[in-house]
Amino acid sequence: MAAVVGVQKIIEVPVDTIEINVLGSHNVLNLAAALSQACLLASLPRFTEKSTKHPFTEDDDAVYGPTTKRSLSYACSKAYR
């Protein structure tokens, strides 16, 4: 649950958003694996807000919206776990 926070920042620095979220997740998951510990993965509604299916489950297709939206970097980086 440690990721880039704030829509304005996500829009202004989409590459930083991807790097921070992906590398941060990578570091946490590697440490959890090294210590043989479980890790809870949580996501905010950014993955599901465009979906017409409710309730949305982990096995459903992700619906992100148009690639012209700069905030898409957040949703993609969080999905890359």
PDB file of N, CA and C in Angstrom:
ATOM      1  N   MET A   1       0.821  -1.181   0.000  1.00  0.00           N
ATOM      2  CA  MET A   1       0.000   0.000   0.000  1.00  0.00           C
ATOM      3  C   MET A   1       0.872   1.253   0.000  1.00  0.00           C
ATOM      4  N   ALA A   2       2.134   1.066  -0.291  1.00  0.00           N
ATOM      5  CA  ALA A   2       3.037   2.207  -0.420  1.00  0.00           C
ATOM      6  C   ALA A   2       3.253   2.480  -1.898  1.00  0.00           C
ATOM      7  N   ALA A   3       2.619   3.511  -2.381  1.00  0.00           N
ATOM      8  CA  ALA A   3       2.710   3.858  -3.796  1.00  0.00           C
ATOM      9  C   ALA A   3       2.677   5.376  -3.913  1.00  0.00           C
ATOM     10  N   VAL A   4       2.863   5.855  -5.107  1.00  0.00           N
ATOM     11  CA  VAL A   4       2.760   7.285  -5.356  1.00  0.00           C
ATOM     12  C   VAL A   4       1.346   7.721  -4.990  1.00  0.00           C
ATOM     13  N   VAL A   5       1.244   8.831  -4.288  1.00  0.00           N
ATOM     14  CA  VAL A   5      -0.051   9.306  -3.817  1.00  0.00           C
ATOM     15  C   VAL A   5      -0.357  10.666  -4.433  1.00  0.00           C
ATOM     16  N   GLY A   6      -1.580  10.830  -4.854  1.00  0.00           N
ATOM     17  CA  GLY A   6      -2.036  12.117  -5.367  1.00  0.00           C
ATOM     18  C   GLY A   6      -2.168  12.126  -6.876  1.00  0.00           C
ATOM     19  N   VAL A   7      -3.361  12.396  -7.351  1.00  0.00           N
ATOM     20  CA  VAL A   7      -3.632  12.385  -8.777  1.00  0.00           C
ATOM     21  C   VAL A   7      -2.735  13.374  -9.522  1.00  0.00           C
ATOM     22  N   GLN A   8      -2.542  14.561  -8.967  1.00  0.00           N
ATOM     23  CA  GLN A   8      -1.730  15.574  -9.643  1.00  0.00           C
ATOM     24  C   GLN A   8      -0.302  15.083  -9.858  1.00  0.00           C
ATOM     25  N   LYS A   9       0.286  14.470  -8.834  1.00  0.00           N
ATOM     26  CA  LYS A   9       1.652  13.951  -8.966  1.00  0.00           C
ATOM     27  C   LYS A   9       1.700  12.833 -10.005  1.00  0.00           C
ATOM     28  N   ILE A  10       0.720  11.961  -9.995  1.00  0.00           N
ATOM     29  CA  ILE A  10       0.662  10.851 -10.945  1.00  0.00           C
ATOM     30  C   ILE A  10       0.604  11.378 -12.374  1.00  0.00           C
ATOM     31  N   ILE A  11      -0.154  12.428 -12.599  1.00  0.00           N
ATOM     32  CA  ILE A  11      -0.283  13.022 -13.929  1.00  0.00           C
ATOM     33  C   ILE A  11       1.000  13.736 -14.334  1.00  0.00           C
ATOM     34  N   GLU A  12       1.636  14.418 -13.378  1.00  0.00           N
ATOM     35  CA  GLU A  12       2.835  15.204 -13.686  1.00  0.00           C
ATOM     36  C   GLU A  12       4.064  14.339 -13.940  1.00  0.00           C
ATOM     37  N   VAL A  13       4.192  13.228 -13.245  1.00  0.00           N
ATOM     38  CA  VAL A  13       5.395  12.392 -13.372  1.00  0.00           C
ATOM     39  C   VAL A  13       5.015  10.921 -13.577  1.00  0.00           C
ATOM     40  N   PRO A  14       4.423  10.590 -14.732  1.00  0.00           N
ATOM     41  CA  PRO A  14       3.957   9.219 -14.950  1.00  0.00           C
ATOM     42  C   PRO A  14       5.087   8.187 -14.940  1.00  0.00           C
ATOM     43  N   VAL A  15       6.263   8.533 -15.431  1.00  0.00           N
ATOM     44  CA  VAL A  15       7.370   7.572 -15.436  1.00  0.00           C
ATOM     45  C   VAL A  15       7.834   7.303 -14.007  1.00  0.00           C
ATOM     46  N   ASP A  16       7.939   8.352 -13.192  1.00  0.00           N
ATOM     47  CA  ASP A  16       8.290   8.165 -11.778  1.00  0.00           C
ATOM     48  C   ASP A  16       7.263   7.281 -11.087  1.00  0.00           C
ATOM     49  N   THR A  17       6.001   7.487 -11.414  1.00  0.00           N
ATOM     50  CA  THR A  17       4.928   6.680 -10.827  1.00  0.00           C
ATOM     51  C   THR A  17       5.152   5.202 -11.114  1.00  0.00           C
ATOM     52  N   ILE A  18       5.448   4.880 -12.356  1.00  0.00           N
ATOM     53  CA  ILE A  18       5.681   3.485 -12.741  1.00  0.00           C
ATOM     54  C   ILE A  18       6.895   2.931 -12.003  1.00  0.00           C
ATOM     55  N   GLU A  19       7.998   3.685 -12.008  1.00  0.00           N
ATOM     56  CA  GLU A  19       9.219   3.196 -11.361  1.00  0.00           C
ATOM     57  C   GLU A  19       9.036   2.999  -9.856  1.00  0.00           C
ATOM     58  N   ILE A  20       8.432   3.964  -9.195  1.00  0.00           N
ATOM     59  CA  ILE A  20       8.244   3.874  -7.738  1.00  0.00           C
ATOM     60  C   ILE A  20       7.322   2.706  -7.389  1.00  0.00           C
ATOM     61  N   ASN A  21       6.211   2.580  -8.087  1.00  0.00           N
ATOM     62  CA  ASN A  21       5.260   1.526  -7.762  1.00  0.00           C
ATOM     63  C   ASN A  21       5.795   0.135  -8.090  1.00  0.00           C
ATOM     64  N   VAL A  22       6.403  -0.012  -9.260  1.00  0.00           N
ATOM     65  CA  VAL A  22       6.893  -1.329  -9.674  1.00  0.00           C
ATOM     66  C   VAL A  22       8.115  -1.730  -8.852  1.00  0.00           C
ATOM     67  N   LEU A  23       9.092  -0.838  -8.726  1.00  0.00           N
ATOM     68  CA  LEU A  23      10.297  -1.190  -7.965  1.00  0.00           C
ATOM     69  C   LEU A  23      10.001  -1.342  -6.474  1.00  0.00           C
ATOM     70  N   GLY A  24       9.089  -0.530  -5.961  1.00  0.00           N
ATOM     71  CA  GLY A  24       8.695  -0.673  -4.559  1.00  0.00           C
ATOM     72  C   GLY A  24       8.050  -2.018  -4.295  1.00  0.00           C
ATOM     73  N   SER A  25       7.153  -2.417  -5.180  1.00  0.00           N
ATOM     74  CA  SER A  25       6.515  -3.735  -5.042  1.00  0.00           C
ATOM     75  C   SER A  25       7.546  -4.844  -5.162  1.00  0.00           C
ATOM     76  N   HIS A  26       8.451  -4.693  -6.104  1.00  0.00           N
ATOM     77  CA  HIS A  26       9.516  -5.676  -6.299  1.00  0.00           C
ATOM     78  C   HIS A  26      10.333  -5.855  -5.017  1.00  0.00           C
ATOM     79  N   ASN A  27      10.713  -4.754  -4.404  1.00  0.00           N
ATOM     80  CA  ASN A  27      11.511  -4.812  -3.171  1.00  0.00           C
ATOM     81  C   ASN A  27      10.752  -5.471  -2.024  1.00  0.00           C
ATOM     82  N   VAL A  28       9.506  -5.109  -1.853  1.00  0.00           N
ATOM     83  CA  VAL A  28       8.701  -5.682  -0.768  1.00  0.00           C
ATOM     84  C   VAL A  28       8.492  -7.180  -0.992  1.00  0.00           C
ATOM     85  N   LEU A  29       8.156  -7.573  -2.214  1.00  0.00           N
ATOM     86  CA  LEU A  29       7.914  -8.989  -2.496  1.00  0.00           C
ATOM     87  C   LEU A  29       9.186  -9.823  -2.369  1.00  0.00           C
ATOM     88  N   ASN A  30      10.326  -9.272  -2.798  1.00  0.00           N
ATOM     89  CA  ASN A  30      11.589  -9.995  -2.630  1.00  0.00           C
ATOM     90  C   ASN A  30      11.929 -10.187  -1.161  1.00  0.00           C
ATOM     91  N   LEU A  31      11.730  -9.162  -0.356  1.00  0.00           N
ATOM     92  CA  LEU A  31      12.009  -9.273   1.073  1.00  0.00           C
ATOM     93  C   LEU A  31      11.074 -10.290   1.728  1.00  0.00           C
ATOM     94  N   ALA A  32       9.796 -10.234   1.383  1.00  0.00           N
ATOM     95  CA  ALA A  32       8.835 -11.190   1.938  1.00  0.00           C
ATOM     96  C   ALA A  32       9.233 -12.619   1.563  1.00  0.00           C
ATOM     97  N   ALA A  33       9.648 -12.815   0.324  1.00  0.00           N
ATOM     98  CA  ALA A  33      10.077 -14.149  -0.116  1.00  0.00           C
ATOM     99  C   ALA A  33      11.331 -14.591   0.625  1.00  0.00           C
ATOM    100  N   ALA A  34      12.276 -13.689   0.793  1.00  0.00           N
ATOM    101  CA  ALA A  34      13.526 -14.024   1.482  1.00  0.00           C
ATOM    102  C   ALA A  34      13.279 -14.401   2.934  1.00  0.00           C
ATOM    103  N   LEU A  35      12.266 -13.793   3.537  1.00  0.00           N
ATOM    104  CA  LEU A  35      11.939 -14.067   4.937  1.00  0.00           C
ATOM    105  C   LEU A  35      10.826 -15.111   5.080  1.00  0.00           C
ATOM    106  N   SER A  36      10.409 -15.686   3.957  1.00  0.00           N
ATOM    107  CA  SER A  36       9.307 -16.668   3.932  1.00  0.00           C
ATOM    108  C   SER A  36       8.058 -16.126   4.621  1.00  0.00           C
ATOM    109  N   GLN A  37       7.725 -14.892   4.295  1.00  0.00           N
ATOM    110  CA  GLN A  37       6.560 -14.237   4.879  1.00  0.00           C
ATOM    111  C   GLN A  37       5.501 -13.995   3.810  1.00  0.00           C
ATOM    112  N   ALA A  38       4.251 -14.014   4.230  1.00  0.00           N
ATOM    113  CA  ALA A  38       3.151 -13.697   3.322  1.00  0.00           C
ATOM    114  C   ALA A  38       3.122 -12.194   3.086  1.00  0.00           C
ATOM    115  N   CYS A  39       2.517 -11.807   1.988  1.00  0.00           N
ATOM    116  CA  CYS A  39       2.422 -10.392   1.652  1.00  0.00           C
ATOM    117  C   CYS A  39       1.012 -10.119   1.135  1.00  0.00           C
ATOM    118  N   LEU A  40       0.348  -9.150   1.714  1.00  0.00           N
ATOM    119  CA  LEU A  40      -0.996  -8.773   1.294  1.00  0.00           C
ATOM    120  C   LEU A  40      -0.895  -7.764   0.160  1.00  0.00           C
ATOM    121  N   LEU A  41      -1.529  -8.067  -0.978  1.00  0.00           N
ATOM    122  CA  LEU A  41      -1.554  -7.154  -2.111  1.00  0.00           C
ATOM    123  C   LEU A  41      -2.938  -6.519  -2.173  1.00  0.00           C
ATOM    124  N   ALA A  42      -2.980  -5.207  -2.124  1.00  0.00           N
ATOM    125  CA  ALA A  42      -4.252  -4.489  -2.141  1.00  0.00           C
ATOM    126  C   ALA A  42      -4.263  -3.492  -3.296  1.00  0.00           C
ATOM    127  N   SER A  43      -5.445  -3.236  -3.818  1.00  0.00           N
ATOM    128  CA  SER A  43      -5.585  -2.287  -4.913  1.00  0.00           C
ATOM    129  C   SER A  43      -6.768  -1.377  -4.655  1.00  0.00           C
ATOM    130  N   LEU A  44      -6.665  -0.178  -5.170  1.00  0.00           N
ATOM    131  CA  LEU A  44      -7.764   0.776  -5.091  1.00  0.00           C
ATOM    132  C   LEU A  44      -8.650   0.636  -6.324  1.00  0.00           C
ATOM    133  N   PRO A  45      -9.802   1.275  -6.336  1.00  0.00           N
ATOM    134  CA  PRO A  45     -10.760   1.101  -7.428  1.00  0.00           C
ATOM    135  C   PRO A  45     -10.275   1.543  -8.806  1.00  0.00           C
ATOM    136  N   ARG A  46      -9.100   2.085  -8.943  1.00  0.00           N
ATOM    137  CA  ARG A  46      -8.605   2.535 -10.247  1.00  0.00           C
ATOM    138  C   ARG A  46      -8.641   1.396 -11.271  1.00  0.00           C
ATOM    139  N   PHE A  47      -8.523   0.157 -10.817  1.00  0.00           N
ATOM    140  CA  PHE A  47      -8.584  -0.993 -11.720  1.00  0.00           C
ATOM    141  C   PHE A  47      -9.991  -1.261 -12.213  1.00  0.00           C
ATOM    142  N   THR A  48     -10.968  -0.932 -11.432  1.00  0.00           N
ATOM    143  CA  THR A  48     -12.326  -1.396 -11.687  1.00  0.00           C
ATOM    144  C   THR A  48     -13.302  -0.299 -12.064  1.00  0.00           C
ATOM    145  N   GLU A  49     -12.903   0.957 -12.011  1.00  0.00           N
ATOM    146  CA  GLU A  49     -13.878   2.031 -12.179  1.00  0.00           C
ATOM    147  C   GLU A  49     -14.546   2.046 -13.553  1.00  0.00           C
ATOM    148  N   LYS A  50     -13.893   1.498 -14.571  1.00  0.00           N
ATOM    149  CA  LYS A  50     -14.476   1.465 -15.916  1.00  0.00           C
ATOM    150  C   LYS A  50     -15.233   0.170 -16.190  1.00  0.00           C
ATOM    151  N   SER A  51     -15.123  -0.796 -15.323  1.00  0.00           N
ATOM    152  CA  SER A  51     -15.771  -2.079 -15.549  1.00  0.00           C
ATOM    153  C   SER A  51     -17.277  -1.972 -15.350  1.00  0.00           C
ATOM    154  N   THR A  52     -18.001  -2.705 -16.176  1.00  0.00           N
ATOM    155  CA  THR A  52     -19.458  -2.748 -16.022  1.00  0.00           C
ATOM    156  C   THR A  52     -19.883  -3.936 -15.179  1.00  0.00           C
ATOM    157  N   LYS A  53     -18.927  -4.791 -14.825  1.00  0.00           N
ATOM    158  CA  LYS A  53     -19.234  -5.986 -14.026  1.00  0.00           C
ATOM    159  C   LYS A  53     -19.069  -5.664 -12.539  1.00  0.00           C
ATOM    160  N   HIS A  54     -20.084  -5.954 -11.765  1.00  0.00           N
ATOM    161  CA  HIS A  54     -20.016  -5.745 -10.321  1.00  0.00           C
ATOM    162  C   HIS A  54     -20.664  -6.940  -9.636  1.00  0.00           C
ATOM    163  N   PRO A  55     -20.079  -7.556  -8.666  1.00  0.00           N
ATOM    164  CA  PRO A  55     -18.764  -7.209  -8.137  1.00  0.00           C
ATOM    165  C   PRO A  55     -17.645  -7.637  -9.087  1.00  0.00           C
ATOM    166  N   PHE A  56     -16.533  -6.962  -9.006  1.00  0.00           N
ATOM    167  CA  PHE A  56     -15.357  -7.226  -9.819  1.00  0.00           C
ATOM    168  C   PHE A  56     -14.453  -8.184  -9.053  1.00  0.00           C
ATOM    169  N   THR A  57     -13.936  -9.216  -9.729  1.00  0.00           N
ATOM    170  CA  THR A  57     -13.058 -10.162  -9.050  1.00  0.00           C
ATOM    171  C   THR A  57     -11.666 -10.138  -9.678  1.00  0.00           C
ATOM    172  N   GLU A  58     -10.702 -10.732  -9.010  1.00  0.00           N
ATOM    173  CA  GLU A  58      -9.317 -10.772  -9.484  1.00  0.00           C
ATOM    174  C   GLU A  58      -9.177 -11.477 -10.829  1.00  0.00           C
ATOM    175  N   ASP A  59     -10.099 -12.368 -11.157  1.00  0.00           N
ATOM    176  CA  ASP A  59     -10.021 -13.111 -12.407  1.00  0.00           C
ATOM    177  C   ASP A  59     -10.645 -12.384 -13.594  1.00  0.00           C
ATOM    178  N   ASP A  60     -11.295 -11.255 -13.344  1.00  0.00           N
ATOM    179  CA  ASP A  60     -11.935 -10.503 -14.428  1.00  0.00           C
ATOM    180  C   ASP A  60     -10.902  -9.699 -15.214  1.00  0.00           C
ATOM    181  N   ASP A  61     -11.243  -9.381 -16.451  1.00  0.00           N
ATOM    182  CA  ASP A  61     -10.378  -8.536 -17.267  1.00  0.00           C
ATOM    183  C   ASP A  61     -10.320  -7.138 -16.666  1.00  0.00           C
ATOM    184  N   ALA A  62      -9.145  -6.543 -16.707  1.00  0.00           N
ATOM    185  CA  ALA A  62      -8.977  -5.171 -16.240  1.00  0.00           C
ATOM    186  C   ALA A  62      -9.452  -4.216 -17.328  1.00  0.00           C
ATOM    187  N   VAL A  63     -10.104  -3.146 -16.915  1.00  0.00           N
ATOM    188  CA  VAL A  63     -10.591  -2.138 -17.848  1.00  0.00           C
ATOM    189  C   VAL A  63     -10.014  -0.806 -17.388  1.00  0.00           C
ATOM    190  N   TYR A  64      -9.029  -0.308 -18.131  1.00  0.00           N
ATOM    191  CA  TYR A  64      -8.297   0.881 -17.688  1.00  0.00           C
ATOM    192  C   TYR A  64      -8.771   2.186 -18.306  1.00  0.00           C
ATOM    193  N   GLY A  65      -9.299   2.151 -19.490  1.00  0.00           N
ATOM    194  CA  GLY A  65      -9.674   3.384 -20.166  1.00  0.00           C
ATOM    195  C   GLY A  65      -8.664   3.729 -21.249  1.00  0.00           C
ATOM    196  N   PRO A  66      -8.801   4.899 -21.860  1.00  0.00           N
ATOM    197  CA  PRO A  66      -7.962   5.263 -22.993  1.00  0.00           C
ATOM    198  C   PRO A  66      -6.498   5.504 -22.590  1.00  0.00           C
ATOM    199  N   THR A  67      -5.596   5.144 -23.491  1.00  0.00           N
ATOM    200  CA  THR A  67      -4.167   5.322 -23.216  1.00  0.00           C
ATOM    201  C   THR A  67      -3.747   6.789 -23.251  1.00  0.00           C
ATOM    202  N   THR A  68      -4.629   7.659 -23.661  1.00  0.00           N
ATOM    203  CA  THR A  68      -4.319   9.092 -23.663  1.00  0.00           C
ATOM    204  C   THR A  68      -4.393   9.700 -22.260  1.00  0.00           C
ATOM    205  N   LYS A  69      -4.938   8.983 -21.320  1.00  0.00           N
ATOM    206  CA  LYS A  69      -5.030   9.476 -19.939  1.00  0.00           C
ATOM    207  C   LYS A  69      -3.702   9.257 -19.233  1.00  0.00           C
ATOM    208  N   ARG A  70      -3.093  10.315 -18.734  1.00  0.00           N
ATOM    209  CA  ARG A  70      -1.802  10.195 -18.075  1.00  0.00           C
ATOM    210  C   ARG A  70      -1.894   9.436 -16.762  1.00  0.00           C
ATOM    211  N   SER A  71      -3.054   9.442 -16.142  1.00  0.00           N
ATOM    212  CA  SER A  71      -3.213   8.718 -14.876  1.00  0.00           C
ATOM    213  C   SER A  71      -3.202   7.212 -15.075  1.00  0.00           C
ATOM    214  N   LEU A  72      -3.225   6.748 -16.318  1.00  0.00           N
ATOM    215  CA  LEU A  72      -3.182   5.325 -16.617  1.00  0.00           C
ATOM    216  C   LEU A  72      -1.901   4.683 -16.084  1.00  0.00           C
ATOM    217  N   SER A  73      -0.824   5.451 -15.972  1.00  0.00           N
ATOM    218  CA  SER A  73       0.441   4.904 -15.480  1.00  0.00           C
ATOM    219  C   SER A  73       0.288   4.324 -14.080  1.00  0.00           C
ATOM    220  N   TYR A  74      -0.540   4.934 -13.262  1.00  0.00           N
ATOM    221  CA  TYR A  74      -0.750   4.427 -11.900  1.00  0.00           C
ATOM    222  C   TYR A  74      -1.423   3.053 -11.935  1.00  0.00           C
ATOM    223  N   ALA A  75      -2.516   2.966 -12.685  1.00  0.00           N
ATOM    224  CA  ALA A  75      -3.251   1.696 -12.738  1.00  0.00           C
ATOM    225  C   ALA A  75      -2.383   0.586 -13.311  1.00  0.00           C
ATOM    226  N   CYS A  76      -1.642   0.882 -14.354  1.00  0.00           N
ATOM    227  CA  CYS A  76      -0.770  -0.137 -14.962  1.00  0.00           C
ATOM    228  C   CYS A  76       0.340  -0.552 -14.014  1.00  0.00           C
ATOM    229  N   SER A  77       0.943   0.398 -13.329  1.00  0.00           N
ATOM    230  CA  SER A  77       2.029   0.056 -12.428  1.00  0.00           C
ATOM    231  C   SER A  77       1.546  -0.764 -11.232  1.00  0.00           C
ATOM    232  N   LYS A  78       0.336  -0.515 -10.781  1.00  0.00           N
ATOM    233  CA  LYS A  78      -0.215  -1.287  -9.667  1.00  0.00           C
ATOM    234  C   LYS A  78      -0.626  -2.679 -10.129  1.00  0.00           C
ATOM    235  N   ALA A  79      -1.009  -2.825 -11.378  1.00  0.00           N
ATOM    236  CA  ALA A  79      -1.401  -4.131 -11.900  1.00  0.00           C
ATOM    237  C   ALA A  79      -0.185  -5.026 -12.119  1.00  0.00           C
ATOM    238  N   TYR A  80       0.969  -4.416 -12.224  1.00  0.00           N
ATOM    239  CA  TYR A  80       2.200  -5.145 -12.526  1.00  0.00           C
ATOM    240  C   TYR A  80       2.796  -5.776 -11.277  1.00  0.00           C
ATOM    241  N   ARG A  81       2.030  -6.394 -10.476  1.00  0.00           N
ATOM    242  CA  ARG A  81       2.557  -7.005  -9.264  1.00  0.00           C
ATOM    243  C   ARG A  81       2.544  -8.487  -9.354  1.00  0.00           C
TER     244      ARG A  81
END
